Amino acid sequence: QVQFVESGGGLVQPGGSLRLSCAASGSILKFNAMGWYRQVPGKERVLLASITSGGGTTYADSVNGRFTISRDNGQNTVHLQMNSLKPEDTAVYYCYIAQRGRGVDWGQGTQVTVSS
């Protein structure tokens, strides 16, 4: 099993920034991918960004150039730096880890609200 500790969500004004962090622990393979999804009520969970254990990154078009995902060297901790936040970024943000043969494990989610 995998345990997660997520932090960094909260309320921010439009144009502001937040940094989400997620530390995964437990049964984790050396090669994996971690990242972030977000979900608003009544809609599907949407992939925002991912980073492999080798450092390769991918981004959704909606956040490319505004959000940056990073990973602590040798650690299963990822960060999502979110800049130029918009009201439509309001959602619950979920950390995940994907491991070959083990599927996907999810964090508990953290609320991000962008509002004036």
N, C-alpha and C. Protein backbone atom coordinates (compact mmCIF):
# COMPACT_ATOMS: atom_id res chain seq x y z
N GLN A 1 0.83 -1.19 0.00
CA GLN A 1 0.00 0.00 0.00
C GLN A 1 0.87 1.25 0.00
N VAL A 2 0.26 2.32 -0.50
CA VAL A 2 0.95 3.60 -0.58
C VAL A 2 0.20 4.62 0.27
N GLN A 3 0.95 5.39 1.03
CA GLN A 3 0.36 6.46 1.82
C GLN A 3 0.83 7.80 1.24
N PHE A 4 -0.04 8.79 1.35
CA PHE A 4 0.27 10.11 0.80
C PHE A 4 0.09 11.17 1.87
N VAL A 5 0.92 12.18 1.79
CA VAL A 5 0.72 13.41 2.57
C VAL A 5 0.73 14.56 1.58
N GLU A 6 -0.43 15.18 1.41
CA GLU A 6 -0.56 16.31 0.49
C GLU A 6 -0.65 17.60 1.29
N SER A 7 -0.13 18.66 0.73
CA SER A 7 -0.20 19.96 1.40
C SER A 7 -0.14 21.07 0.37
N GLY A 8 -0.53 22.27 0.80
CA GLY A 8 -0.36 23.45 -0.02
C GLY A 8 -1.61 24.04 -0.63
N GLY A 9 -2.74 23.38 -0.50
CA GLY A 9 -3.95 23.95 -1.07
C GLY A 9 -4.43 25.13 -0.26
N GLY A 10 -5.46 25.80 -0.77
CA GLY A 10 -6.03 26.92 -0.05
C GLY A 10 -6.72 27.90 -0.96
N LEU A 11 -6.93 29.10 -0.44
CA LEU A 11 -7.61 30.17 -1.17
C LEU A 11 -6.58 31.17 -1.67
N VAL A 12 -6.71 31.54 -2.93
CA VAL A 12 -5.78 32.51 -3.52
C VAL A 12 -6.56 33.40 -4.48
N GLN A 13 -6.11 34.62 -4.64
CA GLN A 13 -6.76 35.54 -5.57
C GLN A 13 -6.34 35.24 -7.01
N PRO A 14 -7.19 35.60 -7.96
CA PRO A 14 -6.79 35.43 -9.37
C PRO A 14 -5.46 36.11 -9.66
N GLY A 15 -4.62 35.41 -10.41
CA GLY A 15 -3.29 35.91 -10.70
C GLY A 15 -2.24 35.49 -9.69
N GLY A 16 -2.68 34.92 -8.59
CA GLY A 16 -1.76 34.50 -7.54
C GLY A 16 -1.13 33.15 -7.80
N SER A 17 -0.38 32.68 -6.81
CA SER A 17 0.35 31.42 -6.93
C SER A 17 0.12 30.55 -5.71
N LEU A 18 0.23 29.26 -5.93
CA LEU A 18 0.22 28.26 -4.86
C LEU A 18 1.19 27.16 -5.24
N ARG A 19 1.70 26.49 -4.21
CA ARG A 19 2.59 25.35 -4.44
C ARG A 19 2.04 24.15 -3.68
N LEU A 20 1.67 23.12 -4.42
CA LEU A 20 1.20 21.88 -3.82
C LEU A 20 2.37 20.91 -3.68
N SER A 21 2.33 20.15 -2.60
CA SER A 21 3.35 19.11 -2.39
C SER A 21 2.67 17.80 -2.04
N CYS A 22 3.33 16.72 -2.41
CA CYS A 22 2.78 15.38 -2.15
C CYS A 22 3.93 14.44 -1.89
N ALA A 23 3.92 13.83 -0.71
CA ALA A 23 4.94 12.85 -0.35
C ALA A 23 4.28 11.48 -0.28
N ALA A 24 4.82 10.55 -1.06
CA ALA A 24 4.31 9.18 -1.07
C ALA A 24 5.28 8.27 -0.34
N SER A 25 4.73 7.32 0.39
CA SER A 25 5.56 6.37 1.12
C SER A 25 4.89 5.01 1.13
N GLY A 26 5.64 4.00 1.52
CA GLY A 26 5.10 2.65 1.56
C GLY A 26 5.71 1.77 0.49
N SER A 27 4.87 0.93 -0.10
CA SER A 27 5.33 -0.02 -1.10
C SER A 27 5.43 0.68 -2.46
N ILE A 28 6.63 1.14 -2.81
CA ILE A 28 6.83 1.92 -4.03
C ILE A 28 8.02 1.36 -4.80
N LEU A 29 7.80 1.10 -6.08
CA LEU A 29 8.86 0.62 -6.95
C LEU A 29 9.80 1.76 -7.34
N LYS A 30 11.03 1.38 -7.74
CA LYS A 30 12.01 2.39 -8.10
C LYS A 30 11.55 3.21 -9.30
N PHE A 31 10.94 2.55 -10.28
CA PHE A 31 10.50 3.24 -11.49
C PHE A 31 9.00 3.47 -11.39
N ASN A 32 8.59 4.73 -11.45
CA ASN A 32 7.19 5.07 -11.31
C ASN A 32 6.93 6.43 -11.93
N ALA A 33 5.71 6.81 -11.93
CA ALA A 33 5.33 8.15 -12.35
C ALA A 33 4.41 8.74 -11.30
N MET A 34 4.60 10.00 -11.01
CA MET A 34 3.74 10.71 -10.07
C MET A 34 3.21 11.96 -10.75
N GLY A 35 2.14 12.47 -10.21
CA GLY A 35 1.60 13.68 -10.81
C GLY A 35 0.35 14.14 -10.12
N TRP A 36 -0.38 15.00 -10.84
CA TRP A 36 -1.56 15.64 -10.28
C TRP A 36 -2.73 15.61 -11.27
N TYR A 37 -3.88 15.30 -10.75
CA TYR A 37 -5.14 15.47 -11.42
C TYR A 37 -5.93 16.53 -10.65
N ARG A 38 -6.98 17.01 -11.26
CA ARG A 38 -7.93 17.83 -10.53
C ARG A 38 -9.35 17.46 -10.96
N GLN A 39 -10.28 17.79 -10.07
CA GLN A 39 -11.67 17.44 -10.32
C GLN A 39 -12.59 18.50 -9.74
N VAL A 40 -13.58 18.87 -10.53
CA VAL A 40 -14.64 19.75 -10.04
C VAL A 40 -15.90 18.93 -9.93
N PRO A 41 -16.83 19.34 -9.06
CA PRO A 41 -18.05 18.54 -8.85
C PRO A 41 -18.81 18.31 -10.15
N GLY A 42 -19.19 17.07 -10.35
CA GLY A 42 -19.98 16.72 -11.52
C GLY A 42 -19.18 16.46 -12.78
N LYS A 43 -17.85 16.58 -12.68
CA LYS A 43 -17.01 16.34 -13.86
C LYS A 43 -15.96 15.29 -13.57
N GLU A 44 -15.38 14.77 -14.64
CA GLU A 44 -14.36 13.74 -14.49
C GLU A 44 -13.05 14.34 -13.99
N ARG A 45 -12.26 13.48 -13.39
CA ARG A 45 -10.93 13.87 -12.96
C ARG A 45 -10.06 14.08 -14.20
N VAL A 46 -9.29 15.17 -14.20
CA VAL A 46 -8.50 15.55 -15.38
C VAL A 46 -7.02 15.57 -15.01
N LEU A 47 -6.20 14.94 -15.86
CA LEU A 47 -4.76 14.93 -15.64
C LEU A 47 -4.17 16.30 -15.95
N LEU A 48 -3.37 16.83 -15.04
CA LEU A 48 -2.73 18.13 -15.22
C LEU A 48 -1.26 18.01 -15.59
N ALA A 49 -0.55 17.20 -14.82
CA ALA A 49 0.90 17.11 -15.02
C ALA A 49 1.39 15.82 -14.41
N SER A 50 2.46 15.28 -15.01
CA SER A 50 3.07 14.08 -14.48
C SER A 50 4.58 14.16 -14.63
N ILE A 51 5.27 13.39 -13.80
CA ILE A 51 6.72 13.33 -13.84
C ILE A 51 7.15 11.91 -13.50
N THR A 52 8.05 11.37 -14.30
CA THR A 52 8.52 10.02 -14.05
C THR A 52 9.68 10.03 -13.05
N SER A 53 10.04 8.86 -12.59
CA SER A 53 11.18 8.75 -11.69
C SER A 53 12.47 9.17 -12.39
N GLY A 54 12.46 9.17 -13.72
CA GLY A 54 13.61 9.64 -14.48
C GLY A 54 13.58 11.12 -14.78
N GLY A 55 12.50 11.80 -14.40
CA GLY A 55 12.42 13.24 -14.56
C GLY A 55 11.66 13.73 -15.77
N GLY A 56 11.15 12.84 -16.60
CA GLY A 56 10.36 13.25 -17.75
C GLY A 56 9.02 13.82 -17.33
N THR A 57 8.60 14.92 -17.97
CA THR A 57 7.36 15.60 -17.57
C THR A 57 6.39 15.72 -18.73
N THR A 58 5.12 15.76 -18.40
CA THR A 58 4.07 16.06 -19.36
C THR A 58 3.08 17.00 -18.70
N TYR A 59 2.42 17.82 -19.52
CA TYR A 59 1.46 18.80 -19.02
C TYR A 59 0.21 18.81 -19.90
N ALA A 60 -0.92 19.08 -19.26
CA ALA A 60 -2.13 19.37 -20.02
C ALA A 60 -2.01 20.75 -20.66
N ASP A 61 -2.63 20.91 -21.80
CA ASP A 61 -2.57 22.20 -22.49
C ASP A 61 -3.08 23.34 -21.61
N SER A 62 -4.08 23.03 -20.78
CA SER A 62 -4.72 24.07 -19.98
C SER A 62 -3.80 24.69 -18.93
N VAL A 63 -2.73 23.97 -18.57
CA VAL A 63 -1.84 24.48 -17.52
C VAL A 63 -0.41 24.67 -18.01
N ASN A 64 -0.13 24.25 -19.22
CA ASN A 64 1.23 24.36 -19.75
C ASN A 64 1.66 25.83 -19.79
N GLY A 65 2.82 26.09 -19.19
CA GLY A 65 3.32 27.46 -19.12
C GLY A 65 2.95 28.18 -17.84
N ARG A 66 1.95 27.66 -17.13
CA ARG A 66 1.55 28.28 -15.86
C ARG A 66 1.93 27.39 -14.67
N PHE A 67 1.84 26.09 -14.85
CA PHE A 67 2.13 25.13 -13.78
C PHE A 67 3.44 24.43 -14.09
N THR A 68 4.19 24.13 -13.03
CA THR A 68 5.45 23.40 -13.16
C THR A 68 5.49 22.28 -12.15
N ILE A 69 5.73 21.08 -12.64
CA ILE A 69 5.84 19.92 -11.76
C ILE A 69 7.32 19.62 -11.54
N SER A 70 7.65 19.24 -10.32
CA SER A 70 9.03 18.89 -10.01
C SER A 70 9.04 17.74 -9.01
N ARG A 71 10.21 17.17 -8.84
CA ARG A 71 10.32 15.99 -7.99
C ARG A 71 11.63 16.06 -7.22
N ASP A 72 11.56 15.75 -5.93
CA ASP A 72 12.79 15.74 -5.14
C ASP A 72 13.66 14.57 -5.58
N ASN A 73 14.94 14.82 -5.76
CA ASN A 73 15.87 13.79 -6.24
C ASN A 73 15.84 12.55 -5.36
N GLY A 74 15.57 11.41 -6.02
CA GLY A 74 15.60 10.16 -5.28
C GLY A 74 14.46 9.96 -4.31
N GLN A 75 13.53 10.90 -4.30
CA GLN A 75 12.43 10.81 -3.36
C GLN A 75 11.11 10.67 -4.11
N ASN A 76 10.15 10.15 -3.43
CA ASN A 76 8.81 10.06 -4.02
C ASN A 76 7.97 11.22 -3.51
N THR A 77 8.49 12.40 -3.74
CA THR A 77 7.82 13.64 -3.37
C THR A 77 7.75 14.53 -4.60
N VAL A 78 6.55 14.98 -4.91
CA VAL A 78 6.38 15.85 -6.07
C VAL A 78 5.75 17.16 -5.62
N HIS A 79 6.03 18.18 -6.42
CA HIS A 79 5.51 19.51 -6.16
C HIS A 79 4.86 20.03 -7.43
N LEU A 80 3.84 20.84 -7.24
CA LEU A 80 3.20 21.49 -8.37
C LEU A 80 3.16 22.99 -8.09
N GLN A 81 4.00 23.72 -8.77
CA GLN A 81 4.02 25.17 -8.64
C GLN A 81 2.99 25.74 -9.61
N MET A 82 2.00 26.44 -9.07
CA MET A 82 0.90 26.95 -9.88
C MET A 82 0.94 28.48 -9.87
N ASN A 83 1.16 29.06 -11.02
CA ASN A 83 1.23 30.51 -11.16
C ASN A 83 0.09 31.01 -12.04
N SER A 84 -0.14 32.30 -11.98
CA SER A 84 -1.18 32.94 -12.80
C SER A 84 -2.51 32.20 -12.68
N LEU A 85 -2.89 31.92 -11.46
CA LEU A 85 -4.10 31.13 -11.23
C LEU A 85 -5.35 31.87 -11.67
N LYS A 86 -6.29 31.09 -12.18
CA LYS A 86 -7.56 31.62 -12.68
C LYS A 86 -8.71 31.01 -11.89
N PRO A 87 -9.85 31.67 -11.88
CA PRO A 87 -11.01 31.07 -11.18
C PRO A 87 -11.34 29.66 -11.67
N GLU A 88 -11.12 29.41 -12.95
CA GLU A 88 -11.41 28.08 -13.48
C GLU A 88 -10.42 27.01 -13.03
N ASP A 89 -9.39 27.40 -12.32
CA ASP A 89 -8.48 26.42 -11.72
C ASP A 89 -9.02 25.89 -10.39
N THR A 90 -10.11 26.46 -9.92
CA THR A 90 -10.72 25.99 -8.68
C THR A 90 -11.16 24.55 -8.82
N ALA A 91 -10.69 23.70 -7.91
CA ALA A 91 -10.97 22.27 -7.97
C ALA A 91 -10.33 21.59 -6.76
N VAL A 92 -10.63 20.30 -6.63
CA VAL A 92 -9.87 19.46 -5.71
C VAL A 92 -8.72 18.84 -6.51
N TYR A 93 -7.53 18.98 -5.99
CA TYR A 93 -6.33 18.50 -6.66
C TYR A 93 -5.86 17.21 -6.00
N TYR A 94 -5.66 16.18 -6.81
CA TYR A 94 -5.28 14.86 -6.31
C TYR A 94 -3.89 14.48 -6.81
N CYS A 95 -3.07 14.06 -5.90
CA CYS A 95 -1.77 13.49 -6.23
C CYS A 95 -1.97 12.00 -6.55
N TYR A 96 -1.12 11.47 -7.42
CA TYR A 96 -1.20 10.05 -7.70
C TYR A 96 0.20 9.50 -7.94
N ILE A 97 0.28 8.18 -7.84
CA ILE A 97 1.49 7.47 -8.24
C ILE A 97 1.05 6.26 -9.06
N ALA A 98 1.71 6.07 -10.18
CA ALA A 98 1.42 4.96 -11.07
C ALA A 98 2.64 4.03 -11.12
N GLN A 99 2.40 2.77 -10.90
CA GLN A 99 3.49 1.80 -10.88
C GLN A 99 3.10 0.61 -11.76
N ARG A 100 4.02 0.16 -12.58
CA ARG A 100 3.75 -0.93 -13.51
C ARG A 100 3.32 -2.17 -12.74
N GLY A 101 2.19 -2.71 -13.17
CA GLY A 101 1.67 -3.91 -12.54
C GLY A 101 0.90 -3.67 -11.25
N ARG A 102 0.88 -2.41 -10.81
CA ARG A 102 0.20 -2.11 -9.55
C ARG A 102 -0.91 -1.08 -9.72
N GLY A 103 -1.09 -0.56 -10.90
CA GLY A 103 -2.13 0.42 -11.10
C GLY A 103 -1.77 1.77 -10.52
N VAL A 104 -2.82 2.50 -10.11
CA VAL A 104 -2.66 3.87 -9.63
C VAL A 104 -3.17 3.97 -8.20
N ASP A 105 -2.40 4.65 -7.38
CA ASP A 105 -2.84 4.99 -6.03
C ASP A 105 -3.04 6.49 -5.96
N TRP A 106 -4.03 6.90 -5.15
CA TRP A 106 -4.42 8.31 -5.09
C TRP A 106 -4.24 8.90 -3.70
N GLY A 107 -3.87 10.17 -3.69
CA GLY A 107 -3.89 10.91 -2.45
C GLY A 107 -5.31 11.28 -2.07
N GLN A 108 -5.44 11.95 -0.92
CA GLN A 108 -6.78 12.26 -0.40
C GLN A 108 -7.38 13.50 -1.04
N GLY A 109 -6.56 14.27 -1.72
CA GLY A 109 -7.05 15.48 -2.38
C GLY A 109 -6.90 16.71 -1.51
N THR A 110 -6.66 17.83 -2.18
CA THR A 110 -6.56 19.11 -1.47
C THR A 110 -7.30 20.17 -2.28
N GLN A 111 -8.05 21.00 -1.59
CA GLN A 111 -8.89 21.99 -2.26
C GLN A 111 -8.07 23.21 -2.64
N VAL A 112 -8.23 23.65 -3.87
CA VAL A 112 -7.68 24.91 -4.34
C VAL A 112 -8.84 25.78 -4.80
N THR A 113 -8.92 26.97 -4.24
CA THR A 113 -9.98 27.90 -4.60
C THR A 113 -9.35 29.21 -5.06
N VAL A 114 -9.70 29.63 -6.26
CA VAL A 114 -9.19 30.88 -6.82
C VAL A 114 -10.35 31.85 -6.91
N SER A 115 -10.32 32.85 -6.06
CA SER A 115 -11.44 33.77 -5.98
C SER A 115 -10.99 35.09 -5.37
N SER A 116 -11.64 36.17 -5.80
CA SER A 116 -11.35 37.46 -5.21
C SER A 116 -12.31 37.75 -4.07
